[in-house]
C-alpha atoms as a PDB file:
ATOM      1  CA  MET A   1      88.537  -8.830  -3.205  1.00  0.00           C
ATOM      2  CA  ARG A   2      87.193  -5.517  -1.882  1.00  0.00           C
ATOM      3  CA  PHE A   3      85.498  -5.415   1.509  1.00  0.00           C
ATOM      4  CA  ILE A   4      82.072  -4.670   0.059  1.00  0.00           C
ATOM      5  CA  ASP A   5      82.378  -7.443  -2.530  1.00  0.00           C
ATOM      6  CA  ARG A   6      83.059  -9.955   0.243  1.00  0.00           C
ATOM      7  CA  ILE A   7      80.050  -8.657   2.150  1.00  0.00           C
ATOM      8  CA  LYS A   8      77.827  -9.007  -0.918  1.00  0.00           C
ATOM      9  CA  GLU A   9      78.938 -12.597  -1.442  1.00  0.00           C
ATOM     10  CA  ARG A  10      78.117 -13.421   2.177  1.00  0.00           C
ATOM     11  CA  ALA A  11      74.704 -11.757   1.851  1.00  0.00           C
ATOM     12  CA  LYS A  12      73.888 -13.773  -1.275  1.00  0.00           C
ATOM     13  CA  LYS A  13      74.585 -17.059   0.510  1.00  0.00           C
ATOM     14  CA  ASN A  14      71.979 -16.376   3.197  1.00  0.00           C
ATOM     15  CA  LYS A  15      69.494 -14.035   1.572  1.00  0.00           C
ATOM     16  CA  LYS A  16      67.476 -11.846   3.928  1.00  0.00           C
ATOM     17  CA  THR A  17      64.496  -9.532   3.514  1.00  0.00           C
ATOM     18  CA  ILE A  18      65.334  -5.848   3.960  1.00  0.00           C
ATOM     19  CA  VAL A  19      62.847  -2.976   4.092  1.00  0.00           C
ATOM     20  CA  LEU A  20      63.467   0.289   2.223  1.00  0.00           C
ATOM     21  CA  PRO A  21      60.920   2.845   3.475  1.00  0.00           C
ATOM     22  CA  GLU A  22      62.051   5.872   1.445  1.00  0.00           C
ATOM     23  CA  SER A  23      60.010   5.523  -1.734  1.00  0.00           C
ATOM     24  CA  GLU A  24      60.014   9.309  -2.102  1.00  0.00           C
ATOM     25  CA  ASP A  25      63.731   9.223  -2.984  1.00  0.00           C
ATOM     26  CA  ARG A  26      64.933   8.232  -6.438  1.00  0.00           C
ATOM     27  CA  ARG A  27      68.131   6.737  -5.008  1.00  0.00           C
ATOM     28  CA  THR A  28      66.028   4.028  -3.354  1.00  0.00           C
ATOM     29  CA  PHE A  29      64.958   2.674  -6.732  1.00  0.00           C
ATOM     30  CA  VAL A  30      68.374   2.972  -8.362  1.00  0.00           C
ATOM     31  CA  ALA A  31      69.800   0.978  -5.441  1.00  0.00           C
ATOM     32  CA  ALA A  32      66.908  -1.498  -5.435  1.00  0.00           C
ATOM     33  CA  GLU A  33      67.494  -2.382  -9.071  1.00  0.00           C
ATOM     34  CA  LYS A  34      71.152  -3.165  -8.346  1.00  0.00           C
ATOM     35  CA  ILE A  35      70.364  -5.155  -5.186  1.00  0.00           C
ATOM     36  CA  LEU A  36      67.798  -7.299  -6.970  1.00  0.00           C
ATOM     37  CA  LYS A  37      69.971  -7.793 -10.041  1.00  0.00           C
ATOM     38  CA  GLU A  38      72.918  -8.930  -7.913  1.00  0.00           C
ATOM     39  CA  GLY A  39      70.737 -11.101  -5.672  1.00  0.00           C
ATOM     40  CA  ILE A  40      71.998  -9.458  -2.476  1.00  0.00           C
ATOM     41  CA  ALA A  41      68.678  -9.404  -0.623  1.00  0.00           C
ATOM     42  CA  ASP A  42      64.944  -9.657  -1.006  1.00  0.00           C
ATOM     43  CA  LEU A  43      63.414  -6.189  -0.794  1.00  0.00           C
ATOM     44  CA  ILE A  44      60.255  -4.617   0.535  1.00  0.00           C
ATOM     45  CA  ILE A  45      59.673  -1.043  -0.620  1.00  0.00           C
ATOM     46  CA  ILE A  46      57.055   0.938   1.278  1.00  0.00           C
ATOM     47  CA  GLY A  47      54.957   3.430  -0.632  1.00  0.00           C
ATOM     48  CA  ASP A  48      51.709   4.101  -2.442  1.00  0.00           C
ATOM     49  CA  GLU A  49      51.313   2.982  -6.028  1.00  0.00           C
ATOM     50  CA  GLU A  50      51.620   6.450  -7.574  1.00  0.00           C
ATOM     51  CA  THR A  51      54.782   7.382  -5.673  1.00  0.00           C
ATOM     52  CA  VAL A  52      56.467   4.069  -6.439  1.00  0.00           C
ATOM     53  CA  HIS A  53      55.495   4.185 -10.109  1.00  0.00           C
ATOM     54  CA  LYS A  54      56.829   7.728 -10.484  1.00  0.00           C
ATOM     55  CA  GLY A  55      60.027   7.172  -8.519  1.00  0.00           C
ATOM     56  CA  SER A  56      60.960   3.896 -10.181  1.00  0.00           C
ATOM     57  CA  ARG A  57      60.414   5.014 -13.768  1.00  0.00           C
ATOM     58  CA  GLY A  58      63.089   3.445 -15.963  1.00  0.00           C
ATOM     59  CA  ARG A  59      64.249   1.033 -13.248  1.00  0.00           C
ATOM     60  CA  ASP A  60      63.478  -2.661 -13.038  1.00  0.00           C
ATOM     61  CA  ILE A  61      62.261  -3.323  -9.497  1.00  0.00           C
ATOM     62  CA  SER A  62      59.885  -6.107 -10.497  1.00  0.00           C
ATOM     63  CA  GLY A  63      61.495  -8.447  -7.976  1.00  0.00           C
ATOM     64  CA  ALA A  64      60.661  -6.206  -5.012  1.00  0.00           C
ATOM     65  CA  THR A  65      57.552  -6.456  -2.853  1.00  0.00           C
ATOM     66  CA  ILE A  66      55.717  -3.119  -2.821  1.00  0.00           C
ATOM     67  CA  ILE A  67      53.601  -2.442   0.259  1.00  0.00           C
ATOM     68  CA  ASP A  68      51.178   0.448   0.655  1.00  0.00           C
ATOM     69  CA  PRO A  69      50.517   0.674   4.404  1.00  0.00           C
ATOM     70  CA  ALA A  70      46.964   1.891   3.822  1.00  0.00           C
ATOM     71  CA  LYS A  71      46.139  -1.323   1.927  1.00  0.00           C
ATOM     72  CA  PHE A  72      48.210  -3.751   4.004  1.00  0.00           C
ATOM     73  CA  GLU A  73      46.202  -6.685   5.320  1.00  0.00           C
ATOM     74  CA  LYS A  74      48.079  -6.748   8.630  1.00  0.00           C
ATOM     75  CA  LEU A  75      47.691  -3.039   9.379  1.00  0.00           C
ATOM     76  CA  ASP A  76      45.249  -3.584  12.247  1.00  0.00           C
ATOM     77  CA  ALA A  77      47.605  -6.078  13.889  1.00  0.00           C
ATOM     78  CA  TYR A  78      50.458  -3.588  13.520  1.00  0.00           C
ATOM     79  CA  VAL A  79      48.337  -0.844  15.060  1.00  0.00           C
ATOM     80  CA  ASP A  80      47.434  -3.067  18.006  1.00  0.00           C
ATOM     81  CA  LYS A  81      51.052  -4.073  18.631  1.00  0.00           C
ATOM     82  CA  PHE A  82      52.388  -0.534  18.295  1.00  0.00           C
ATOM     83  CA  THR A  83      49.742   0.717  20.707  1.00  0.00           C
ATOM     84  CA  GLU A  84      50.693  -2.004  23.182  1.00  0.00           C
ATOM     85  CA  LEU A  85      54.400  -1.215  22.940  1.00  0.00           C
ATOM     86  CA  ARG A  86      53.867   2.518  23.561  1.00  0.00           C
ATOM     87  CA  ALA A  87      50.881   2.313  25.931  1.00  0.00           C
ATOM     88  CA  LYS A  88      52.864   3.656  28.876  1.00  0.00           C
ATOM     89  CA  LYS A  89      53.713   6.711  26.764  1.00  0.00           C
ATOM     90  CA  GLY A  90      50.028   7.393  26.122  1.00  0.00           C
ATOM     91  CA  MET A  91      49.791   5.862  22.660  1.00  0.00           C
ATOM     92  CA  THR A  92      46.244   5.381  21.372  1.00  0.00           C
ATOM     93  CA  LYS A  93      45.095   3.237  18.467  1.00  0.00           C
ATOM     94  CA  GLU A  94      44.123   6.343  16.534  1.00  0.00           C
ATOM     95  CA  LYS A  95      47.545   7.919  16.964  1.00  0.00           C
ATOM     96  CA  ALA A  96      49.318   4.624  16.225  1.00  0.00           C
ATOM     97  CA  ARG A  97      47.384   4.251  12.976  1.00  0.00           C
ATOM     98  CA  GLU A  98      48.183   7.816  11.949  1.00  0.00           C
ATOM     99  CA  ILE A  99      51.915   7.323  12.573  1.00  0.00           C
ATOM    100  CA  LEU A 100      52.097   4.026  10.707  1.00  0.00           C
ATOM    101  CA  LEU A 101      50.229   5.429   7.712  1.00  0.00           C
ATOM    102  CA  THR A 102      52.263   8.623   7.418  1.00  0.00           C
ATOM    103  CA  ASN A 103      55.718   7.821   8.808  1.00  0.00           C
ATOM    104  CA  TYR A 104      57.108   4.963   6.741  1.00  0.00           C
ATOM    105  CA  PRO A 105      60.238   4.318   8.860  1.00  0.00           C
ATOM    106  CA  TYR A 106      57.879   3.498  11.747  1.00  0.00           C
ATOM    107  CA  PHE A 107      55.894   1.147   9.527  1.00  0.00           C
ATOM    108  CA  GLY A 108      59.106  -0.481   8.290  1.00  0.00           C
ATOM    109  CA  VAL A 109      60.417  -1.035  11.806  1.00  0.00           C
ATOM    110  CA  MET A 110      57.070  -2.604  12.724  1.00  0.00           C
ATOM    111  CA  MET A 111      57.547  -5.020   9.827  1.00  0.00           C
ATOM    112  CA  VAL A 112      60.826  -6.106  11.431  1.00  0.00           C
ATOM    113  CA  LYS A 113      59.206  -6.316  14.861  1.00  0.00           C
ATOM    114  CA  MET A 114      56.356  -8.474  13.538  1.00  0.00           C
ATOM    115  CA  GLY A 115      58.707 -10.852  11.727  1.00  0.00           C
ATOM    116  CA  ASP A 116      57.675  -9.813   8.208  1.00  0.00           C
ATOM    117  CA  ALA A 117      61.177  -8.530   7.426  1.00  0.00           C
ATOM    118  CA  ASP A 118      64.676  -9.137   8.780  1.00  0.00           C
ATOM    119  CA  GLY A 119      66.119  -5.633   8.754  1.00  0.00           C
ATOM    120  CA  LEU A 120      65.666  -2.053   7.541  1.00  0.00           C
ATOM    121  CA  VAL A 121      67.798   0.616   5.885  1.00  0.00           C
ATOM    122  CA  SER A 122      66.744   4.270   5.910  1.00  0.00           C
ATOM    123  CA  GLY A 123      68.244   7.742   6.165  1.00  0.00           C
ATOM    124  CA  ALA A 124      68.742   8.912   2.575  1.00  0.00           C
ATOM    125  CA  CYS A 125      66.111  11.563   3.192  1.00  0.00           C
ATOM    126  CA  HIS A 126      65.470  11.182   6.926  1.00  0.00           C
ATOM    127  CA  SER A 127      67.697  12.411   9.735  1.00  0.00           C
ATOM    128  CA  SER A 128      69.494   9.911  11.936  1.00  0.00           C
ATOM    129  CA  ALA A 129      67.087  10.773  14.746  1.00  0.00           C
ATOM    130  CA  ASP A 130      64.066  10.020  12.556  1.00  0.00           C
ATOM    131  CA  THR A 131      65.610   6.720  11.484  1.00  0.00           C
ATOM    132  CA  LEU A 132      66.722   5.547  14.910  1.00  0.00           C
ATOM    133  CA  ARG A 133      63.826   6.781  17.045  1.00  0.00           C
ATOM    134  CA  PRO A 134      61.412   4.092  15.789  1.00  0.00           C
ATOM    135  CA  CYS A 135      64.028   1.400  16.462  1.00  0.00           C
ATOM    136  CA  LEU A 136      64.545   2.425  20.052  1.00  0.00           C
ATOM    137  CA  GLN A 137      60.804   2.744  20.658  1.00  0.00           C
ATOM    138  CA  ILE A 138      59.732  -0.483  18.954  1.00  0.00           C
ATOM    139  CA  LEU A 139      62.658  -2.909  18.762  1.00  0.00           C
ATOM    140  CA  LYS A 140      64.472  -1.766  21.922  1.00  0.00           C
ATOM    141  CA  THR A 141      68.066  -2.747  22.655  1.00  0.00           C
ATOM    142  CA  LYS A 142      69.723  -6.102  22.274  1.00  0.00           C
ATOM    143  CA  PRO A 143      69.954  -8.075  25.548  1.00  0.00           C
ATOM    144  CA  GLY A 144      73.198  -7.270  27.330  1.00  0.00           C
ATOM    145  CA  THR A 145      73.665  -3.994  25.475  1.00  0.00           C
ATOM    146  CA  ARG A 146      74.788  -1.048  27.572  1.00  0.00           C
ATOM    147  CA  LEU A 147      74.722   1.547  24.823  1.00  0.00           C
ATOM    148  CA  VAL A 148      73.395   1.798  21.277  1.00  0.00           C
ATOM    149  CA  SER A 149      76.072   3.324  19.079  1.00  0.00           C
ATOM    150  CA  ALA A 150      76.907   3.796  15.420  1.00  0.00           C
ATOM    151  CA  PHE A 151      79.963   3.305  13.243  1.00  0.00           C
ATOM    152  CA  PHE A 152      81.150   3.573   9.672  1.00  0.00           C
ATOM    153  CA  VAL A 153      83.030   0.910   7.810  1.00  0.00           C
ATOM    154  CA  VAL A 154      85.664   2.845   5.869  1.00  0.00           C
ATOM    155  CA  SER A 155      87.494   1.101   3.045  1.00  0.00           C
ATOM    156  CA  VAL A 156      90.469   3.028   1.680  1.00  0.00           C
ATOM    157  CA  PRO A 157      91.734   2.058  -1.794  1.00  0.00           C
ATOM    158  CA  ASP A 158      95.363   1.031  -2.268  1.00  0.00           C
ATOM    159  CA  CYS A 159      96.026   1.120   1.475  1.00  0.00           C
ATOM    160  CA  GLU A 160      97.786  -1.495   3.597  1.00  0.00           C
ATOM    161  CA  LEU A 161      97.020   0.157   6.918  1.00  0.00           C
ATOM    162  CA  GLY A 162      94.272  -1.231   9.118  1.00  0.00           C
ATOM    163  CA  SER A 163      92.933  -4.489   7.740  1.00  0.00           C
ATOM    164  CA  HIS A 164      94.120  -4.104   4.141  1.00  0.00           C
ATOM    165  CA  GLY A 165      92.670  -0.599   4.098  1.00  0.00           C
ATOM    166  CA  THR A 166      89.455  -1.382   5.975  1.00  0.00           C
ATOM    167  CA  PHE A 167      88.582   0.267   9.292  1.00  0.00           C
ATOM    168  CA  VAL A 168      85.715   0.788  11.688  1.00  0.00           C
ATOM    169  CA  PHE A 169      85.255   4.419  12.797  1.00  0.00           C
ATOM    170  CA  ALA A 170      83.155   4.766  15.979  1.00  0.00           C
ATOM    171  CA  ASP A 171      81.100   6.464  17.234  1.00  0.00           C
ATOM    172  CA  ALA A 172      80.678   8.567  14.118  1.00  0.00           C
ATOM    173  CA  GLY A 173      76.915   8.786  13.986  1.00  0.00           C
ATOM    174  CA  LEU A 174      75.026   8.821  17.261  1.00  0.00           C
ATOM    175  CA  ASN A 175      76.543   9.636  20.678  1.00  0.00           C
ATOM    176  CA  GLN A 176      77.570  13.268  20.980  1.00  0.00           C
ATOM    177  CA  ASN A 177      79.961  13.290  23.913  1.00  0.00           C
ATOM    178  CA  PRO A 178      80.265   9.837  25.493  1.00  0.00           C
ATOM    179  CA  ASN A 179      81.630   9.530  29.007  1.00  0.00           C
ATOM    180  CA  PRO A 180      84.431   7.038  29.814  1.00  0.00           C
ATOM    181  CA  ALA A 181      82.079   4.107  30.469  1.00  0.00           C
ATOM    182  CA  GLU A 182      80.184   4.841  27.263  1.00  0.00           C
ATOM    183  CA  LEU A 183      83.421   5.107  25.261  1.00  0.00           C
ATOM    184  CA  ALA A 184      84.455   1.727  26.639  1.00  0.00           C
ATOM    185  CA  ALA A 185      81.087   0.251  25.607  1.00  0.00           C
ATOM    186  CA  ILE A 186      81.476   1.719  22.115  1.00  0.00           C
ATOM    187  CA  ALA A 187      84.922   0.131  21.848  1.00  0.00           C
ATOM    188  CA  GLU A 188      83.654  -3.285  22.913  1.00  0.00           C
ATOM    189  CA  SER A 189      80.670  -3.220  20.518  1.00  0.00           C
ATOM    190  CA  SER A 190      82.834  -1.952  17.667  1.00  0.00           C
ATOM    191  CA  ALA A 191      85.272  -4.813  18.159  1.00  0.00           C
ATOM    192  CA  GLU A 192      82.416  -7.303  17.791  1.00  0.00           C
ATOM    193  CA  SER A 193      81.108  -5.523  14.706  1.00  0.00           C
ATOM    194  CA  PHE A 194      84.545  -5.415  13.104  1.00  0.00           C
ATOM    195  CA  GLU A 195      85.060  -9.127  13.709  1.00  0.00           C
ATOM    196  CA  LEU A 196      81.648  -9.947  12.198  1.00  0.00           C
ATOM    197  CA  LEU A 197      81.930  -7.763   9.112  1.00  0.00           C
ATOM    198  CA  VAL A 198      85.647  -7.666   8.294  1.00  0.00           C
ATOM    199  CA  GLU A 199      86.427 -11.177   9.584  1.00  0.00           C
ATOM    200  CA  ASP A 200      89.749 -10.103  11.049  1.00  0.00           C
ATOM    201  CA  ARG A 201      91.028  -9.589  14.577  1.00  0.00           C
ATOM    202  CA  PRO A 202      90.080  -6.143  15.885  1.00  0.00           C
ATOM    203  CA  LYS A 203      92.857  -3.901  17.142  1.00  0.00           C
ATOM    204  CA  ILE A 204      91.211  -0.978  18.892  1.00  0.00           C
ATOM    205  CA  ALA A 205      92.807   2.439  19.297  1.00  0.00           C
ATOM    206  CA  MET A 206      91.236   4.842  21.789  1.00  0.00           C
ATOM    207  CA  LEU A 207      92.015   8.088  20.007  1.00  0.00           C
ATOM    208  CA  SER A 208      93.026  11.421  21.517  1.00  0.00           C
ATOM    209  CA  HIS A 209      95.169  14.452  20.760  1.00  0.00           C
ATOM    210  CA  SER A 210      97.614  12.898  23.238  1.00  0.00           C
ATOM    211  CA  THR A 211      99.695   9.738  23.200  1.00  0.00           C
ATOM    212  CA  LYS A 212     100.560   8.124  26.522  1.00  0.00           C
ATOM    213  CA  GLY A 213     100.540  11.317  28.546  1.00  0.00           C
ATOM    214  CA  SER A 214     102.013  13.710  26.001  1.00  0.00           C
ATOM    215  CA  ALA A 215      99.268  16.220  26.840  1.00  0.00           C
ATOM    216  CA  SER A 216      97.302  16.994  29.974  1.00  0.00           C
ATOM    217  CA  HIS A 217      93.604  17.880  29.750  1.00  0.00           C
ATOM    218  CA  PRO A 218      90.240  16.576  31.008  1.00  0.00           C
ATOM    219  CA  ASP A 219      89.498  15.360  27.457  1.00  0.00           C
ATOM    220  CA  VAL A 220      92.635  13.217  27.618  1.00  0.00           C
ATOM    221  CA  ASP A 221      91.675  11.943  31.061  1.00  0.00           C
ATOM    222  CA  LYS A 222      88.353  10.766  29.646  1.00  0.00           C
ATOM    223  CA  VAL A 223      90.073   8.581  27.045  1.00  0.00           C
ATOM    224  CA  VAL A 224      92.592   7.248  29.575  1.00  0.00           C
ATOM    225  CA  GLU A 225      89.761   6.212  31.885  1.00  0.00           C
ATOM    226  CA  ALA A 226      87.781   4.678  29.004  1.00  0.00           C
ATOM    227  CA  THR A 227      90.836   2.637  28.062  1.00  0.00           C
ATOM    228  CA  ARG A 228      91.204   1.404  31.632  1.00  0.00           C
ATOM    229  CA  ILE A 229      87.539   0.372  31.810  1.00  0.00           C
ATOM    230  CA  ALA A 230      87.611  -1.438  28.478  1.00  0.00           C
ATOM    231  CA  GLN A 231      90.831  -3.279  29.282  1.00  0.00           C
ATOM    232  CA  GLU A 232      89.441  -4.324  32.650  1.00  0.00           C
ATOM    233  CA  GLU A 233      86.121  -5.519  31.222  1.00  0.00           C
ATOM    234  CA  CYS A 234      87.570  -7.209  28.128  1.00  0.00           C
ATOM    235  CA  PRO A 235      91.155  -8.216  28.922  1.00  0.00           C
ATOM    236  CA  ASP A 236      91.412 -10.385  25.808  1.00  0.00           C
ATOM    237  CA  LEU A 237      90.858  -7.472  23.448  1.00  0.00           C
ATOM    238  CA  PHE A 238      93.769  -5.890  21.618  1.00  0.00           C
ATOM    239  CA  LEU A 239      92.955  -2.362  22.852  1.00  0.00           C
ATOM    240  CA  ASP A 240      95.150   0.551  23.816  1.00  0.00           C
ATOM    241  CA  GLY A 241      95.030   4.279  24.425  1.00  0.00           C
ATOM    242  CA  GLU A 242      95.282   7.099  24.636  1.00  0.00           C
ATOM    243  CA  LEU A 243      96.772   7.268  21.124  1.00  0.00           C
ATOM    244  CA  GLN A 244      97.121   9.990  18.553  1.00  0.00           C
ATOM    245  CA  LEU A 245      95.993   8.933  15.100  1.00  0.00           C
ATOM    246  CA  ASP A 246      99.484   8.696  13.646  1.00  0.00           C
ATOM    247  CA  ALA A 247     100.637   6.553  16.559  1.00  0.00           C
ATOM    248  CA  ALA A 248      97.608   4.307  16.070  1.00  0.00           C
ATOM    249  CA  LEU A 249      98.237   3.730  12.367  1.00  0.00           C
ATOM    250  CA  ILE A 250     101.905   4.207  11.431  1.00  0.00           C
ATOM    251  CA  PRO A 251     104.341   1.568  12.748  1.00  0.00           C
ATOM    252  CA  GLU A 252     107.388   3.854  12.662  1.00  0.00           C
ATOM    253  CA  ILE A 253     105.615   6.559  14.673  1.00  0.00           C
ATOM    254  CA  ALA A 254     104.130   3.981  17.021  1.00  0.00           C
ATOM    255  CA  ALA A 255     107.584   2.618  17.808  1.00  0.00           C
ATOM    256  CA  PHE A 256     108.642   6.107  18.917  1.00  0.00           C
ATOM    257  CA  LYS A 257     105.484   7.338  20.649  1.00  0.00           C
ATOM    258  CA  ALA A 258     104.057   4.125  22.111  1.00  0.00           C
ATOM    259  CA  PRO A 259     106.786   1.480  22.312  1.00  0.00           C
ATOM    260  CA  GLY A 260     105.562  -1.928  23.417  1.00  0.00           C
ATOM    261  CA  SER A 261     101.913  -1.312  22.515  1.00  0.00           C
ATOM    262  CA  LYS A 262     100.085  -4.273  20.927  1.00  0.00           C
ATOM    263  CA  VAL A 263      97.839  -1.867  19.022  1.00  0.00           C
ATOM    264  CA  ALA A 264      99.889   1.194  18.107  1.00  0.00           C
ATOM    265  CA  GLY A 265     100.823   1.142  14.423  1.00  0.00           C
ATOM    266  CA  LYS A 266      98.356  -1.694  13.735  1.00  0.00           C
ATOM    267  CA  ALA A 267      94.921  -0.275  14.633  1.00  0.00           C
ATOM    268  CA  ASN A 268      91.892  -1.144  12.519  1.00  0.00           C
ATOM    269  CA  VAL A 269      89.130  -0.003  14.901  1.00  0.00           C
ATOM    270  CA  LEU A 270      89.324   3.706  15.660  1.00  0.00           C
ATOM    271  CA  VAL A 271      87.294   4.919  18.645  1.00  0.00           C
ATOM    272  CA  PHE A 272      86.944   8.693  18.567  1.00  0.00           C
ATOM    273  CA  PRO A 273      86.555  10.758  21.752  1.00  0.00           C
ATOM    274  CA  ASP A 274      83.330  12.420  20.586  1.00  0.00           C
ATOM    275  CA  LEU A 275      80.899  12.629  17.690  1.00  0.00           C
ATOM    276  CA  ASP A 276      82.478  15.765  16.212  1.00  0.00           C
ATOM    277  CA  ALA A 277      85.833  14.038  15.821  1.00  0.00           C
ATOM    278  CA  GLY A 278      84.304  10.822  14.483  1.00  0.00           C
ATOM    279  CA  ASN A 279      82.041  12.496  11.951  1.00  0.00           C
ATOM    280  CA  ILE A 280      84.723  14.874  10.705  1.00  0.00           C
ATOM    281  CA  GLY A 281      87.268  12.068  10.584  1.00  0.00           C
ATOM    282  CA  TYR A 282      85.277   9.673   8.444  1.00  0.00           C
ATOM    283  CA  LYS A 283      84.214  12.411   6.026  1.00  0.00           C
ATOM    284  CA  LEU A 284      87.801  13.613   5.616  1.00  0.00           C
ATOM    285  CA  VAL A 285      88.948  10.114   4.686  1.00  0.00           C
ATOM    286  CA  GLN A 286      85.925   9.527   2.468  1.00  0.00           C
ATOM    287  CA  ARG A 287      86.368  12.720   0.473  1.00  0.00           C
ATOM    288  CA  LEU A 288      90.143  13.194   0.401  1.00  0.00           C
ATOM    289  CA  ALA A 289      91.222   9.560   0.110  1.00  0.00           C
ATOM    290  CA  LYS A 290      88.235   8.661  -2.093  1.00  0.00           C
ATOM    291  CA  ALA A 291      87.344   5.937   0.388  1.00  0.00           C
ATOM    292  CA  ASP A 292      84.096   4.009   0.559  1.00  0.00           C
ATOM    293  CA  ALA A 293      82.253   4.802   3.792  1.00  0.00           C
ATOM    294  CA  TYR A 294      79.249   2.679   4.741  1.00  0.00           C
ATOM    295  CA  GLY A 295      76.959   3.769   7.537  1.00  0.00           C
ATOM    296  CA  PRO A 296      76.116   4.865  10.083  1.00  0.00           C
ATOM    297  CA  ILE A 297      75.771   1.176  10.960  1.00  0.00           C
ATOM    298  CA  THR A 298      74.060   0.716  14.308  1.00  0.00           C
ATOM    299  CA  GLN A 299      75.109  -1.706  17.014  1.00  0.00           C
ATOM    300  CA  GLY A 300      73.128  -2.661  20.072  1.00  0.00           C
ATOM    301  CA  ILE A 301      69.585  -2.637  18.650  1.00  0.00           C
ATOM    302  CA  ALA A 302      67.577  -5.872  18.957  1.00  0.00           C
ATOM    303  CA  ALA A 303      67.385  -6.263  15.152  1.00  0.00           C
ATOM    304  CA  PRO A 304      69.518  -4.777  12.373  1.00  0.00           C
ATOM    305  CA  VAL A 305      68.279  -1.315  11.387  1.00  0.00           C
ATOM    306  CA  ASN A 306      70.822   0.933   9.749  1.00  0.00           C
ATOM    307  CA  ASP A 307      71.083   4.575   8.890  1.00  0.00           C
ATOM    308  CA  LEU A 308      72.399   6.344   5.813  1.00  0.00           C
ATOM    309  CA  SER A 309      74.070   9.681   5.347  1.00  0.00           C
ATOM    310  CA  ARG A 310      71.702  12.049   3.552  1.00  0.00           C
ATOM    311  CA  GLY A 311      74.572  12.646   1.143  1.00  0.00           C
ATOM    312  CA  CYS A 312      74.729   8.965   0.238  1.00  0.00           C
ATOM    313  CA  SER A 313      74.803   7.565  -3.286  1.00  0.00           C
ATOM    314  CA  ALA A 314      72.728   4.661  -4.586  1.00  0.00           C
ATOM    315  CA  ASP A 315      75.843   2.484  -4.321  1.00  0.00           C
ATOM    316  CA  ASP A 316      76.127   3.436  -0.639  1.00  0.00           C
ATOM    317  CA  ILE A 317      72.573   2.166  -0.132  1.00  0.00           C
ATOM    318  CA  VAL A 318      73.475  -1.096  -1.870  1.00  0.00           C
ATOM    319  CA  GLY A 319      76.462  -1.517   0.430  1.00  0.00           C
ATOM    320  CA  VAL A 320      74.531  -0.792   3.618  1.00  0.00           C
ATOM    321  CA  VAL A 321      71.769  -3.202   2.576  1.00  0.00           C
ATOM    322  CA  ALA A 322      74.405  -5.912   2.086  1.00  0.00           C
ATOM    323  CA  ILE A 323      75.933  -5.161   5.506  1.00  0.00           C
ATOM    324  CA  THR A 324      72.477  -5.230   7.097  1.00  0.00           C
ATOM    325  CA  ALA A 325      71.778  -8.600   5.515  1.00  0.00           C
ATOM    326  CA  VAL A 326      75.007 -10.020   6.949  1.00  0.00           C
ATOM    327  CA  GLN A 327      74.076  -8.671  10.380  1.00  0.00           C
ATOM    328  CA  CYS A 328      70.663 -10.338  10.041  1.00  0.00           C
ATOM    329  CA  ALA A 329      72.244 -13.656   9.120  1.00  0.00           C
ATOM    330  CA  ALA A 330      74.458 -13.469  12.215  1.00  0.00           C
ATOM    331  CA  GLN A 331      71.324 -13.415  14.377  1.00  0.00           C
ATOM    332  CA  ASP A 332      69.980 -16.704  12.993  1.00  0.00           C
END
């Protein structure tokens, strides 16, 4: 069974309520019809009646709850809570009301905050910053979290590498140039996410253009130090670095370049040295290997709120909603 099919089955067994705030995008309604038909999640779609009617034409979304913020009976309570949360930043009730009525991702995140929904998926027509900013302002970080980061679950067809072709690529969506401590935190969070979603033991490769000292450069030093920190903080993790990608994935190359490593040749969690490498890497695999890539999935926020690539398909939205629902269930 494919990774995403397993995720969907898990989501169906513990159905959660997910908010889709992008009613201005046709893909939202194409995805919503599939989600409702498959029974993956209960859905709340945010939008005014005219926009929803126009966008959903020809699609059966009768099982979704449609909420127009301007007519929502709890709007005043949302305004009060949002004002309270941002009071130290100078938020007024007037400004809070304006934001909630015009910026639907903010309204959707408030629904999660107020317990009227379990999670949110956005980003088909909003930037990552516009999707994640409301989360960080309203939901804050999960207790014990040192760094909010983002990853993609990449599932490569007809591939036995990784976990039967499934990998986590991190950070491929949020942190531009993490320092060694931040890279270590990304590795630790990604291991937890991999274990939750893939249900296999994570084997984390700290990636570089060098393997075990084959090159000398401050960029290599950063990955070496990140590896040391992560191994010290989480000694039970299967984690190693610095590793070139081929040494991380291919057993024959690993035996030559990194003999004795518990991870080399077996990696399923790939931690990239910076956002450029992570973003380019996942898109190369997605486009050239025709892989499924779901994300950016966030880790470290107090409730599951996930981003989408603006180039996503409706099926990508379905997959990320299913992943979000599984994350929600794990917080029960």
